[in-house]
Every structure is written in C-alpha cells, then in structure tokens.
C-alpha atoms as a PDB file:
ATOM      1  CA  MET A   1     -10.024  14.112  11.785  1.00  0.00           C
ATOM      2  CA  LEU A   2      -9.081  12.875   8.214  1.00  0.00           C
ATOM      3  CA  LYS A   3      -9.658  15.440   5.207  1.00  0.00           C
ATOM      4  CA  VAL A   4      -8.707  15.565   1.893  1.00  0.00           C
ATOM      5  CA  ILE A   5      -9.925  18.069  -0.869  1.00  0.00           C
ATOM      6  CA  THR A   6     -10.531  17.101  -4.562  1.00  0.00           C
ATOM      7  CA  THR A   7     -10.579  20.082  -7.005  1.00  0.00           C
ATOM      8  CA  TYR A   8     -11.989  19.632 -10.545  1.00  0.00           C
ATOM      9  CA  THR A   9     -12.139  21.691 -13.209  1.00  0.00           C
ATOM     10  CA  PRO A  10     -12.595  21.130 -17.045  1.00  0.00           C
ATOM     11  CA  GLU A  11      -8.391  20.837 -17.111  1.00  0.00           C
ATOM     12  CA  ALA A  12      -7.601  19.571 -13.913  1.00  0.00           C
ATOM     13  CA  ALA A  13      -8.302  17.080 -10.601  1.00  0.00           C
ATOM     14  CA  THR A  14      -6.652  17.996  -7.528  1.00  0.00           C
ATOM     15  CA  LEU A  15      -6.592  15.899  -4.482  1.00  0.00           C
ATOM     16  CA  GLU A  16      -4.917  18.038  -1.500  1.00  0.00           C
ATOM     17  CA  ASN A  17      -4.299  17.677   1.998  1.00  0.00           C
ATOM     18  CA  ASN A  18      -2.934  20.474   4.089  1.00  0.00           C
ATOM     19  CA  ARG A  19       0.110  18.979   3.212  1.00  0.00           C
ATOM     20  CA  ALA A  20       0.689  17.805  -0.297  1.00  0.00           C
ATOM     21  CA  THR A  21      -1.265  17.274  -3.400  1.00  0.00           C
ATOM     22  CA  LEU A  22      -1.202  14.957  -6.051  1.00  0.00           C
ATOM     23  CA  ASN A  23      -2.672  15.098  -9.800  1.00  0.00           C
ATOM     24  CA  LEU A  24      -5.080  13.004 -10.433  1.00  0.00           C
ATOM     25  CA  GLY A  25      -6.139  11.863 -14.278  1.00  0.00           C
ATOM     26  CA  SER A  26      -5.033   9.831 -17.003  1.00  0.00           C
ATOM     27  CA  GLN A  27      -2.094  12.336 -18.865  1.00  0.00           C
ATOM     28  CA  GLU A  28       1.235  11.023 -18.091  1.00  0.00           C
ATOM     29  CA  GLY A  29       2.267  12.688 -14.174  1.00  0.00           C
ATOM     30  CA  GLU A  30      -1.542  12.528 -12.968  1.00  0.00           C
ATOM     31  CA  PHE A  31      -2.429   8.824 -10.497  1.00  0.00           C
ATOM     32  CA  PHE A  32      -5.626   7.460 -11.255  1.00  0.00           C
ATOM     33  CA  PRO A  33      -8.010   6.208  -8.513  1.00  0.00           C
ATOM     34  CA  TYR A  34      -6.310   2.598  -7.785  1.00  0.00           C
ATOM     35  CA  ASP A  35      -3.267   4.072  -7.934  1.00  0.00           C
ATOM     36  CA  LEU A  36      -4.228   5.482  -4.718  1.00  0.00           C
ATOM     37  CA  LEU A  37      -5.808   2.853  -3.644  1.00  0.00           C
ATOM     38  CA  LEU A  38      -2.248   0.863  -4.192  1.00  0.00           C
ATOM     39  CA  GLY A  39      -0.767   2.795  -3.087  1.00  0.00           C
ATOM     40  CA  ALA A  40      -1.844   3.712  -0.159  1.00  0.00           C
ATOM     41  CA  LEU A  41      -1.489  -0.213   0.725  1.00  0.00           C
ATOM     42  CA  SER A  42       1.746   0.198   0.872  1.00  0.00           C
ATOM     43  CA  ALA A  43       2.000   2.611   2.844  1.00  0.00           C
ATOM     44  CA  CYS A  44      -0.453   0.984   5.390  1.00  0.00           C
ATOM     45  CA  PHE A  45       1.463  -2.117   5.382  1.00  0.00           C
ATOM     46  CA  ARG A  46       4.547  -0.213   4.971  1.00  0.00           C
ATOM     47  CA  ALA A  47       3.346   1.777   8.838  1.00  0.00           C
ATOM     48  CA  THR A  48       2.130  -1.175  10.186  1.00  0.00           C
ATOM     49  CA  LEU A  49       5.607  -3.081   9.455  1.00  0.00           C
ATOM     50  CA  TYR A  50       7.291  -0.233  11.482  1.00  0.00           C
ATOM     51  CA  ASP A  51       4.928   0.344  14.692  1.00  0.00           C
ATOM     52  CA  ILE A  52       5.671  -3.397  15.093  1.00  0.00           C
ATOM     53  CA  LEU A  53       9.291  -4.005  14.725  1.00  0.00           C
ATOM     54  CA  THR A  54      10.052  -0.277  16.761  1.00  0.00           C
ATOM     55  CA  LYS A  55       8.152  -2.529  19.554  1.00  0.00           C
ATOM     56  CA  ARG A  56       9.969  -5.347  19.532  1.00  0.00           C
ATOM     57  CA  LYS A  57      13.176  -3.385  19.516  1.00  0.00           C
ATOM     58  CA  GLU A  58      14.614  -4.171  15.724  1.00  0.00           C
ATOM     59  CA  ILE A  59      15.484  -2.169  13.264  1.00  0.00           C
ATOM     60  CA  PHE A  60      13.918  -1.890  10.652  1.00  0.00           C
ATOM     61  CA  PRO A  61      15.116  -2.134   6.831  1.00  0.00           C
ATOM     62  CA  SER A  62      15.394  -1.050   3.423  1.00  0.00           C
ATOM     63  CA  MET A  63      12.682  -2.349   1.114  1.00  0.00           C
ATOM     64  CA  GLU A  64      10.715  -1.830  -1.179  1.00  0.00           C
ATOM     65  CA  ILE A  65       6.830  -1.849  -1.875  1.00  0.00           C
ATOM     66  CA  VAL A  66       6.022  -3.054  -5.201  1.00  0.00           C
ATOM     67  CA  VAL A  67       1.752  -4.259  -5.087  1.00  0.00           C
ATOM     68  CA  SER A  68       0.153  -4.863  -8.157  1.00  0.00           C
ATOM     69  CA  GLY A  69      -3.646  -6.335  -8.934  1.00  0.00           C
ATOM     70  CA  GLU A  70      -5.777  -6.744 -11.005  1.00  0.00           C
ATOM     71  CA  LYS A  71     -10.023  -5.738 -11.331  1.00  0.00           C
ATOM     72  CA  ARG A  72     -12.780  -7.445 -12.037  1.00  0.00           C
ATOM     73  CA  LYS A  73     -14.570  -7.315 -15.132  1.00  0.00           C
ATOM     74  CA  GLU A  74     -17.497  -7.362 -13.376  1.00  0.00           C
ATOM     75  CA  VAL A  75     -19.830  -4.189 -12.406  1.00  0.00           C
ATOM     76  CA  PRO A  76     -19.232  -3.336  -9.219  1.00  0.00           C
ATOM     77  CA  THR A  77     -15.269  -3.594 -10.725  1.00  0.00           C
ATOM     78  CA  THR A  78     -13.566  -3.523  -7.664  1.00  0.00           C
ATOM     79  CA  LEU A  79     -10.131  -5.704  -7.741  1.00  0.00           C
ATOM     80  CA  GLU A  80     -10.356  -9.195  -8.413  1.00  0.00           C
ATOM     81  CA  TRP A  81      -6.165  -9.792  -6.728  1.00  0.00           C
ATOM     82  CA  VAL A  82      -3.338  -7.394  -4.777  1.00  0.00           C
ATOM     83  CA  ARG A  83      -0.042  -8.944  -4.371  1.00  0.00           C
ATOM     84  CA  MET A  84       2.564  -7.469  -2.547  1.00  0.00           C
ATOM     85  CA  ASP A  85       6.873  -8.325  -3.298  1.00  0.00           C
ATOM     86  CA  ILE A  86       8.643  -6.677  -0.900  1.00  0.00           C
ATOM     87  CA  THR A  87      11.961  -6.481  -1.134  1.00  0.00           C
ATOM     88  CA  VAL A  88      14.498  -5.977   2.122  1.00  0.00           C
ATOM     89  CA  ILE A  89      17.863  -4.803   2.458  1.00  0.00           C
ATOM     90  CA  GLY A  90      19.792  -5.834   5.445  1.00  0.00           C
ATOM     91  CA  VAL A  91      17.523  -8.726   8.116  1.00  0.00           C
ATOM     92  CA  GLU A  92      19.408 -10.604  10.050  1.00  0.00           C
ATOM     93  CA  ASN A  93      16.718 -12.814  11.513  1.00  0.00           C
ATOM     94  CA  GLN A  94      15.048 -14.104   7.677  1.00  0.00           C
ATOM     95  CA  GLU A  95      12.306 -16.041  10.366  1.00  0.00           C
ATOM     96  CA  GLN A  96      11.496 -13.868  12.846  1.00  0.00           C
ATOM     97  CA  PHE A  97      10.932 -10.592  10.303  1.00  0.00           C
ATOM     98  CA  LEU A  98       9.037 -13.471   7.510  1.00  0.00           C
ATOM     99  CA  ARG A  99       7.387 -13.202  10.316  1.00  0.00           C
ATOM    100  CA  ASN A 100       6.854  -9.367  11.157  1.00  0.00           C
ATOM    101  CA  VAL A 101       5.628  -9.204   7.764  1.00  0.00           C
ATOM    102  CA  ASP A 102       2.920 -11.719   8.452  1.00  0.00           C
ATOM    103  CA  LEU A 103       1.555  -9.691  11.271  1.00  0.00           C
ATOM    104  CA  ALA A 104       1.859  -6.535   9.795  1.00  0.00           C
ATOM    105  CA  ALA A 105      -0.269  -7.757   6.960  1.00  0.00           C
ATOM    106  CA  LYS A 106      -2.625  -8.906   9.564  1.00  0.00           C
ATOM    107  CA  TYR A 107      -2.874  -5.916  11.548  1.00  0.00           C
ATOM    108  CA  CYS A 108      -2.527  -3.112   8.052  1.00  0.00           C
ATOM    109  CA  SER A 109      -6.191  -1.575   7.953  1.00  0.00           C
ATOM    110  CA  ILE A 110      -6.373  -0.681   4.416  1.00  0.00           C
ATOM    111  CA  HIS A 111      -5.254  -4.656   3.425  1.00  0.00           C
ATOM    112  CA  GLU A 112      -7.781  -5.880   6.101  1.00  0.00           C
ATOM    113  CA  THR A 113     -10.198  -3.634   4.052  1.00  0.00           C
ATOM    114  CA  LEU A 114      -8.993  -4.743   0.676  1.00  0.00           C
ATOM    115  CA  SER A 115      -8.950  -8.892   1.645  1.00  0.00           C
ATOM    116  CA  LYS A 116     -12.397  -8.654   1.707  1.00  0.00           C
ATOM    117  CA  VAL A 117     -13.027  -8.415  -2.014  1.00  0.00           C
ATOM    118  CA  ALA A 118      -9.884  -9.414  -3.621  1.00  0.00           C
ATOM    119  CA  ARG A 119      -6.895 -12.438  -2.519  1.00  0.00           C
ATOM    120  CA  MET A 120      -3.919 -11.212  -1.048  1.00  0.00           C
ATOM    121  CA  SER A 121      -0.421 -12.266  -1.093  1.00  0.00           C
ATOM    122  CA  HIS A 122       2.785 -11.136  -0.418  1.00  0.00           C
ATOM    123  CA  GLU A 123       6.249 -12.205  -0.781  1.00  0.00           C
ATOM    124  CA  VAL A 124       9.424 -11.123   0.429  1.00  0.00           C
ATOM    125  CA  HIS A 125      12.568 -11.195  -1.289  1.00  0.00           C
ATOM    126  CA  PHE A 126      15.945 -10.583   1.109  1.00  0.00           C
ATOM    127  CA  GLN A 127      19.033  -9.336  -0.692  1.00  0.00           C
END
C-alpha cells in the first residue's frame, strides 16, 4: 500500500512517509506540487530504465535527468508539455541505450499517465 501524510499548519506544510519528510510551499527550501510531479516522473523513469538494463544484464551508467515542463494557461492548468534531458556518462553502445530509453518512456507508469495530457519528449546526451 502506498501512503503519504500531508500536514498543514498556518506556518508550514509537510509531506511525509515512513522514510522522509519534504517541505511544501513557495519559500526557499520548499517544493511546489509540480516540482514533486516532475521529480516523480524522473524517479519513475530512472527506476524503469534500471529494471530494463538489469534484465538485459547491461551496466547502469551515471546520469543526470533534467525534467522541465510548462503548464497551460487555461483551467485546469494541466501540463502542456514535458521534456526530459538525459545526460549519460560511460555508455559503450549508444544505439542500444537509446532503444532502452525509448522502452523506459513506454513502460514508466508516470510517463504514461502524463502523456494523456501533455506532449512528452526526451533527448539523450552522451559524455
């Protein structure tokens, strides 16, 4: 079962589970709801890619995933587009890695969910 607890007081808001606590809000050191959503996409995508590479007995490389997006002006202000820029270090077979990234985009449940309302794209940069 998935479970998070959000606590609101006049001074602060927090989101917590049995492992961690995040501060919510618009001040320094706090997360907006869409920050969490884009972070969830990145984490889900990484976990899905990790599973694919593990099943194929391929090494999981070091990487950075930068997720950006824009909300619509119309209400409800769902995401209009989302882009993942993935920088990867130490991949030998770049073509195979790109195929694995495409599979991860297909099988990541949060990517699939967001694709129902937003244009999704990704680009991989090799170093």
